[in-house]
Amino acid sequence: MTKTYDSLPLIVRVLLQLIFGWVISIFYRVFKFLDSKDTGTILGIVLSIFPLMWFVDLVTTIFQGKITVLAK
């Protein structure tokens, strides 16, 4: 599921983050956790409840092309 999201064009991912960023952040990290079983991703899931993580995800999507903070 995360590979599908990561394969979208950058402009689409940025627009999705602007509109549905809070929801995308949570689901992205849940699916990343199911793929990697990395415990840091659990912390990311919990922190995704707060608006700050939405902003961090928006910034990393713009500059790095994908969600990277606490999503291994």
PDB file of N, CA and C in Angstrom:
ATOM      1  N   MET A   1       0.809  -1.182   0.000  1.00  0.00           N
ATOM      2  CA  MET A   1       0.000   0.000   0.000  1.00  0.00           C
ATOM      3  C   MET A   1       0.865   1.264   0.000  1.00  0.00           C
ATOM      4  N   THR A   2       1.944   1.291   0.790  1.00  0.00           N
ATOM      5  CA  THR A   2       2.801   2.474   0.825  1.00  0.00           C
ATOM      6  C   THR A   2       3.561   2.646  -0.479  1.00  0.00           C
ATOM      7  N   LYS A   3       3.859   1.548  -1.145  1.00  0.00           N
ATOM      8  CA  LYS A   3       4.547   1.645  -2.438  1.00  0.00           C
ATOM      9  C   LYS A   3       3.652   2.324  -3.466  1.00  0.00           C
ATOM     10  N   THR A   4       2.366   2.060  -3.395  1.00  0.00           N
ATOM     11  CA  THR A   4       1.418   2.699  -4.306  1.00  0.00           C
ATOM     12  C   THR A   4       1.377   4.195  -4.052  1.00  0.00           C
ATOM     13  N   TYR A   5       1.305   4.596  -2.782  1.00  0.00           N
ATOM     14  CA  TYR A   5       1.291   6.018  -2.441  1.00  0.00           C
ATOM     15  C   TYR A   5       2.603   6.675  -2.863  1.00  0.00           C
ATOM     16  N   ASP A   6       3.733   6.020  -2.609  1.00  0.00           N
ATOM     17  CA  ASP A   6       5.035   6.587  -2.963  1.00  0.00           C
ATOM     18  C   ASP A   6       5.234   6.696  -4.465  1.00  0.00           C
ATOM     19  N   SER A   7       4.513   5.891  -5.248  1.00  0.00           N
ATOM     20  CA  SER A   7       4.679   5.924  -6.694  1.00  0.00           C
ATOM     21  C   SER A   7       3.828   7.005  -7.365  1.00  0.00           C
ATOM     22  N   LEU A   8       2.955   7.649  -6.605  1.00  0.00           N
ATOM     23  CA  LEU A   8       2.156   8.738  -7.172  1.00  0.00           C
ATOM     24  C   LEU A   8       3.060   9.913  -7.522  1.00  0.00           C
ATOM     25  N   PRO A   9       2.675  10.725  -8.503  1.00  0.00           N
ATOM     26  CA  PRO A   9       3.472  11.916  -8.816  1.00  0.00           C
ATOM     27  C   PRO A   9       3.566  12.844  -7.590  1.00  0.00           C
ATOM     28  N   LEU A  10       4.666  13.559  -7.487  1.00  0.00           N
ATOM     29  CA  LEU A  10       4.924  14.411  -6.331  1.00  0.00           C
ATOM     30  C   LEU A  10       3.806  15.421  -6.102  1.00  0.00           C
ATOM     31  N   ILE A  11       3.320  16.039  -7.133  1.00  0.00           N
ATOM     32  CA  ILE A  11       2.273  17.052  -6.975  1.00  0.00           C
ATOM     33  C   ILE A  11       0.997  16.439  -6.397  1.00  0.00           C
ATOM     34  N   VAL A  12       0.694  15.212  -6.760  1.00  0.00           N
ATOM     35  CA  VAL A  12      -0.487  14.527  -6.221  1.00  0.00           C
ATOM     36  C   VAL A  12      -0.292  14.236  -4.739  1.00  0.00           C
ATOM     37  N   ARG A  13       0.905  13.774  -4.364  1.00  0.00           N
ATOM     38  CA  ARG A  13       1.178  13.493  -2.950  1.00  0.00           C
ATOM     39  C   ARG A  13       1.113  14.763  -2.109  1.00  0.00           C
ATOM     40  N   VAL A  14       1.635  15.866  -2.633  1.00  0.00           N
ATOM     41  CA  VAL A  14       1.583  17.136  -1.898  1.00  0.00           C
ATOM     42  C   VAL A  14       0.138  17.589  -1.737  1.00  0.00           C
ATOM     43  N   LEU A  15      -0.653  17.491  -2.797  1.00  0.00           N
ATOM     44  CA  LEU A  15      -2.068  17.875  -2.700  1.00  0.00           C
ATOM     45  C   LEU A  15      -2.826  16.984  -1.724  1.00  0.00           C
ATOM     46  N   LEU A  16      -2.553  15.695  -1.758  1.00  0.00           N
ATOM     47  CA  LEU A  16      -3.192  14.789  -0.808  1.00  0.00           C
ATOM     48  C   LEU A  16      -2.799  15.121   0.624  1.00  0.00           C
ATOM     49  N   GLN A  17      -1.547  15.478   0.825  1.00  0.00           N
ATOM     50  CA  GLN A  17      -1.097  15.865   2.166  1.00  0.00           C
ATOM     51  C   GLN A  17      -1.787  17.147   2.622  1.00  0.00           C
ATOM     52  N   LEU A  18      -1.971  18.081   1.720  1.00  0.00           N
ATOM     53  CA  LEU A  18      -2.645  19.327   2.091  1.00  0.00           C
ATOM     54  C   LEU A  18      -4.104  19.093   2.464  1.00  0.00           C
ATOM     55  N   ILE A  19      -4.764  18.195   1.758  1.00  0.00           N
ATOM     56  CA  ILE A  19      -6.197  17.977   1.968  1.00  0.00           C
ATOM     57  C   ILE A  19      -6.471  16.925   3.035  1.00  0.00           C
ATOM     58  N   PHE A  20      -5.798  15.782   2.942  1.00  0.00           N
ATOM     59  CA  PHE A  20      -6.074  14.646   3.835  1.00  0.00           C
ATOM     60  C   PHE A  20      -4.862  14.238   4.662  1.00  0.00           C
ATOM     61  N   GLY A  21      -3.952  15.146   4.902  1.00  0.00           N
ATOM     62  CA  GLY A  21      -2.666  14.821   5.517  1.00  0.00           C
ATOM     63  C   GLY A  21      -2.743  14.091   6.828  1.00  0.00           C
ATOM     64  N   TRP A  22      -3.657  14.512   7.701  1.00  0.00           N
ATOM     65  CA  TRP A  22      -3.753  13.895   9.016  1.00  0.00           C
ATOM     66  C   TRP A  22      -4.102  12.416   8.897  1.00  0.00           C
ATOM     67  N   VAL A  23      -5.059  12.101   8.061  1.00  0.00           N
ATOM     68  CA  VAL A  23      -5.497  10.708   7.879  1.00  0.00           C
ATOM     69  C   VAL A  23      -4.420   9.896   7.155  1.00  0.00           C
ATOM     70  N   ILE A  24      -3.824  10.480   6.134  1.00  0.00           N
ATOM     71  CA  ILE A  24      -2.788   9.779   5.376  1.00  0.00           C
ATOM     72  C   ILE A  24      -1.600   9.444   6.270  1.00  0.00           C
ATOM     73  N   SER A  25      -1.218  10.373   7.129  1.00  0.00           N
ATOM     74  CA  SER A  25      -0.077  10.141   8.016  1.00  0.00           C
ATOM     75  C   SER A  25      -0.272   8.908   8.893  1.00  0.00           C
ATOM     76  N   ILE A  26      -1.452   8.778   9.445  1.00  0.00           N
ATOM     77  CA  ILE A  26      -1.734   7.632  10.318  1.00  0.00           C
ATOM     78  C   ILE A  26      -1.718   6.329   9.527  1.00  0.00           C
ATOM     79  N   PHE A  27      -2.482   6.283   8.432  1.00  0.00           N
ATOM     80  CA  PHE A  27      -2.558   5.049   7.653  1.00  0.00           C
ATOM     81  C   PHE A  27      -1.226   4.681   7.010  1.00  0.00           C
ATOM     82  N   TYR A  28      -0.474   5.668   6.543  1.00  0.00           N
ATOM     83  CA  TYR A  28       0.832   5.403   5.948  1.00  0.00           C
ATOM     84  C   TYR A  28       1.737   4.698   6.951  1.00  0.00           C
ATOM     85  N   ARG A  29       1.770   5.210   8.183  1.00  0.00           N
ATOM     86  CA  ARG A  29       2.629   4.605   9.195  1.00  0.00           C
ATOM     87  C   ARG A  29       2.118   3.235   9.643  1.00  0.00           C
ATOM     88  N   VAL A  30       0.813   3.052   9.688  1.00  0.00           N
ATOM     89  CA  VAL A  30       0.271   1.728  10.035  1.00  0.00           C
ATOM     90  C   VAL A  30       0.712   0.706   8.999  1.00  0.00           C
ATOM     91  N   PHE A  31       0.577   1.038   7.720  1.00  0.00           N
ATOM     92  CA  PHE A  31       0.988   0.100   6.678  1.00  0.00           C
ATOM     93  C   PHE A  31       2.504  -0.077   6.643  1.00  0.00           C
ATOM     94  N   LYS A  32       3.271   0.973   6.950  1.00  0.00           N
ATOM     95  CA  LYS A  32       4.726   0.840   7.047  1.00  0.00           C
ATOM     96  C   LYS A  32       5.089  -0.107   8.191  1.00  0.00           C
ATOM     97  N   PHE A  33       4.384   0.016   9.320  1.00  0.00           N
ATOM     98  CA  PHE A  33       4.649  -0.873  10.445  1.00  0.00           C
ATOM     99  C   PHE A  33       4.348  -2.324  10.079  1.00  0.00           C
ATOM    100  N   LEU A  34       3.242  -2.551   9.380  1.00  0.00           N
ATOM    101  CA  LEU A  34       2.887  -3.907   8.987  1.00  0.00           C
ATOM    102  C   LEU A  34       3.929  -4.511   8.045  1.00  0.00           C
ATOM    103  N   ASP A  35       4.585  -3.662   7.247  1.00  0.00           N
ATOM    104  CA  ASP A  35       5.635  -4.134   6.344  1.00  0.00           C
ATOM    105  C   ASP A  35       6.962  -4.360   7.068  1.00  0.00           C
ATOM    106  N   SER A  36       7.335  -3.434   7.955  1.00  0.00           N
ATOM    107  CA  SER A  36       8.686  -3.472   8.519  1.00  0.00           C
ATOM    108  C   SER A  36       8.776  -3.967   9.954  1.00  0.00           C
ATOM    109  N   LYS A  37       7.689  -3.883  10.723  1.00  0.00           N
ATOM    110  CA  LYS A  37       7.669  -4.253  12.144  1.00  0.00           C
ATOM    111  C   LYS A  37       8.670  -3.432  12.956  1.00  0.00           C
ATOM    112  N   ASP A  38       8.968  -2.198  12.518  1.00  0.00           N
ATOM    113  CA  ASP A  38       9.889  -1.307  13.209  1.00  0.00           C
ATOM    114  C   ASP A  38       9.160  -0.610  14.356  1.00  0.00           C
ATOM    115  N   THR A  39       9.710  -0.685  15.563  1.00  0.00           N
ATOM    116  CA  THR A  39       9.032  -0.115  16.725  1.00  0.00           C
ATOM    117  C   THR A  39       8.978   1.405  16.690  1.00  0.00           C
ATOM    118  N   GLY A  40       9.896   2.044  16.006  1.00  0.00           N
ATOM    119  CA  GLY A  40       9.860   3.500  15.872  1.00  0.00           C
ATOM    120  C   GLY A  40       8.636   3.969  15.113  1.00  0.00           C
ATOM    121  N   THR A  41       8.147   3.128  14.248  1.00  0.00           N
ATOM    122  CA  THR A  41       6.955   3.466  13.479  1.00  0.00           C
ATOM    123  C   THR A  41       5.725   3.518  14.380  1.00  0.00           C
ATOM    124  N   ILE A  42       5.707   2.718  15.444  1.00  0.00           N
ATOM    125  CA  ILE A  42       4.590   2.777  16.400  1.00  0.00           C
ATOM    126  C   ILE A  42       4.541   4.158  17.053  1.00  0.00           C
ATOM    127  N   LEU A  43       5.695   4.680  17.420  1.00  0.00           N
ATOM    128  CA  LEU A  43       5.755   6.032  17.965  1.00  0.00           C
ATOM    129  C   LEU A  43       5.237   7.038  16.948  1.00  0.00           C
ATOM    130  N   GLY A  44       5.589   6.847  15.693  1.00  0.00           N
ATOM    131  CA  GLY A  44       5.091   7.717  14.632  1.00  0.00           C
ATOM    132  C   GLY A  44       3.583   7.663  14.497  1.00  0.00           C
ATOM    133  N   ILE A  45       3.009   6.485  14.662  1.00  0.00           N
ATOM    134  CA  ILE A  45       1.546   6.338  14.589  1.00  0.00           C
ATOM    135  C   ILE A  45       0.889   7.138  15.702  1.00  0.00           C
ATOM    136  N   VAL A  46       1.427   7.025  16.906  1.00  0.00           N
ATOM    137  CA  VAL A  46       0.858   7.754  18.046  1.00  0.00           C
ATOM    138  C   VAL A  46       1.014   9.257  17.847  1.00  0.00           C
ATOM    139  N   LEU A  47       2.182   9.698  17.403  1.00  0.00           N
ATOM    140  CA  LEU A  47       2.414  11.126  17.205  1.00  0.00           C
ATOM    141  C   LEU A  47       1.628  11.695  16.022  1.00  0.00           C
ATOM    142  N   SER A  48       1.206  10.835  15.106  1.00  0.00           N
ATOM    143  CA  SER A  48       0.444  11.292  13.945  1.00  0.00           C
ATOM    144  C   SER A  48      -0.922  11.844  14.326  1.00  0.00           C
ATOM    145  N   ILE A  49      -1.333  11.596  15.542  1.00  0.00           N
ATOM    146  CA  ILE A  49      -2.603  12.131  16.014  1.00  0.00           C
ATOM    147  C   ILE A  49      -2.518  13.660  16.143  1.00  0.00           C
ATOM    148  N   PHE A  50      -1.320  14.169  16.379  1.00  0.00           N
ATOM    149  CA  PHE A  50      -1.134  15.604  16.583  1.00  0.00           C
ATOM    150  C   PHE A  50      -0.852  16.328  15.265  1.00  0.00           C
ATOM    151  N   PRO A  51      -1.343  17.551  15.123  1.00  0.00           N
ATOM    152  CA  PRO A  51      -1.176  18.307  13.869  1.00  0.00           C
ATOM    153  C   PRO A  51       0.275  18.581  13.489  1.00  0.00           C
ATOM    154  N   LEU A  52       1.174  18.596  14.456  1.00  0.00           N
ATOM    155  CA  LEU A  52       2.576  18.849  14.131  1.00  0.00           C
ATOM    156  C   LEU A  52       3.123  17.805  13.163  1.00  0.00           C
ATOM    157  N   MET A  53       2.753  16.552  13.348  1.00  0.00           N
ATOM    158  CA  MET A  53       3.236  15.499  12.448  1.00  0.00           C
ATOM    159  C   MET A  53       2.699  15.683  11.036  1.00  0.00           C
ATOM    160  N   TRP A  54       1.471  16.197  10.923  1.00  0.00           N
ATOM    161  CA  TRP A  54       0.937  16.487   9.593  1.00  0.00           C
ATOM    162  C   TRP A  54       1.832  17.498   8.889  1.00  0.00           C
ATOM    163  N   PHE A  55       2.243  18.535   9.611  1.00  0.00           N
ATOM    164  CA  PHE A  55       3.107  19.558   9.030  1.00  0.00           C
ATOM    165  C   PHE A  55       4.474  18.976   8.670  1.00  0.00           C
ATOM    166  N   VAL A  56       5.033  18.157   9.553  1.00  0.00           N
ATOM    167  CA  VAL A  56       6.323  17.514   9.280  1.00  0.00           C
ATOM    168  C   VAL A  56       6.218  16.625   8.035  1.00  0.00           C
ATOM    169  N   ASP A  57       5.133  15.871   7.920  1.00  0.00           N
ATOM    170  CA  ASP A  57       4.944  15.003   6.757  1.00  0.00           C
ATOM    171  C   ASP A  57       4.792  15.817   5.476  1.00  0.00           C
ATOM    172  N   LEU A  58       4.108  16.940   5.564  1.00  0.00           N
ATOM    173  CA  LEU A  58       3.969  17.818   4.396  1.00  0.00           C
ATOM    174  C   LEU A  58       5.331  18.337   3.947  1.00  0.00           C
ATOM    175  N   VAL A  59       6.134  18.786   4.889  1.00  0.00           N
ATOM    176  CA  VAL A  59       7.464  19.312   4.569  1.00  0.00           C
ATOM    177  C   VAL A  59       8.366  18.217   3.995  1.00  0.00           C
ATOM    178  N   THR A  60       8.367  17.029   4.610  1.00  0.00           N
ATOM    179  CA  THR A  60       9.221  15.962   4.076  1.00  0.00           C
ATOM    180  C   THR A  60       8.728  15.478   2.715  1.00  0.00           C
ATOM    181  N   THR A  61       7.430  15.526   2.484  1.00  0.00           N
ATOM    182  CA  THR A  61       6.920  15.150   1.165  1.00  0.00           C
ATOM    183  C   THR A  61       7.370  16.152   0.114  1.00  0.00           C
ATOM    184  N   ILE A  62       7.348  17.423   0.447  1.00  0.00           N
ATOM    185  CA  ILE A  62       7.771  18.453  -0.503  1.00  0.00           C
ATOM    186  C   ILE A  62       9.261  18.342  -0.798  1.00  0.00           C
ATOM    187  N   PHE A  63      10.091  18.211   0.239  1.00  0.00           N
ATOM    188  CA  PHE A  63      11.537  18.262   0.054  1.00  0.00           C
ATOM    189  C   PHE A  63      12.195  16.914  -0.229  1.00  0.00           C
ATOM    190  N   GLN A  64      11.638  15.826   0.285  1.00  0.00           N
ATOM    191  CA  GLN A  64      12.248  14.514   0.072  1.00  0.00           C
ATOM    192  C   GLN A  64      11.418  13.596  -0.814  1.00  0.00           C
ATOM    193  N   GLY A  65      10.174  13.978  -1.099  1.00  0.00           N
ATOM    194  CA  GLY A  65       9.365  13.203  -2.010  1.00  0.00           C
ATOM    195  C   GLY A  65       8.520  12.127  -1.353  1.00  0.00           C
ATOM    196  N   LYS A  66       8.691  11.920  -0.040  1.00  0.00           N
ATOM    197  CA  LYS A  66       7.867  10.933   0.649  1.00  0.00           C
ATOM    198  C   LYS A  66       7.913  11.185   2.147  1.00  0.00           C
ATOM    199  N   ILE A  67       7.033  10.512   2.881  1.00  0.00           N
ATOM    200  CA  ILE A  67       7.009  10.612   4.329  1.00  0.00           C
ATOM    201  C   ILE A  67       8.177   9.802   4.879  1.00  0.00           C
ATOM    202  N   THR A  68       9.041  10.465   5.655  1.00  0.00           N
ATOM    203  CA  THR A  68      10.237   9.774   6.129  1.00  0.00           C
ATOM    204  C   THR A  68      10.393   9.767   7.641  1.00  0.00           C
ATOM    205  N   VAL A  69       9.824  10.720   8.361  1.00  0.00           N
ATOM    206  CA  VAL A  69      10.032  10.829   9.799  1.00  0.00           C
ATOM    207  C   VAL A  69       9.221   9.755  10.517  1.00  0.00           C
ATOM    208  N   LEU A  70       9.907   8.906  11.261  1.00  0.00           N
ATOM    209  CA  LEU A  70       9.305   7.814  12.024  1.00  0.00           C
ATOM    210  C   LEU A  70       8.436   6.904  11.137  1.00  0.00           C
ATOM    211  N   ALA A  71       8.905   6.647   9.935  1.00  0.00           N
ATOM    212  CA  ALA A  71       8.192   5.740   9.017  1.00  0.00           C
ATOM    213  C   ALA A  71       9.228   4.923   8.250  1.00  0.00           C
ATOM    214  N   LYS A  72       9.773   3.916   8.906  1.00  0.00           N
ATOM    215  CA  LYS A  72      10.827   3.103   8.274  1.00  0.00           C
ATOM    216  C   LYS A  72      10.242   1.883   7.617  1.00  0.00           C
TER     217      LYS A  72
END
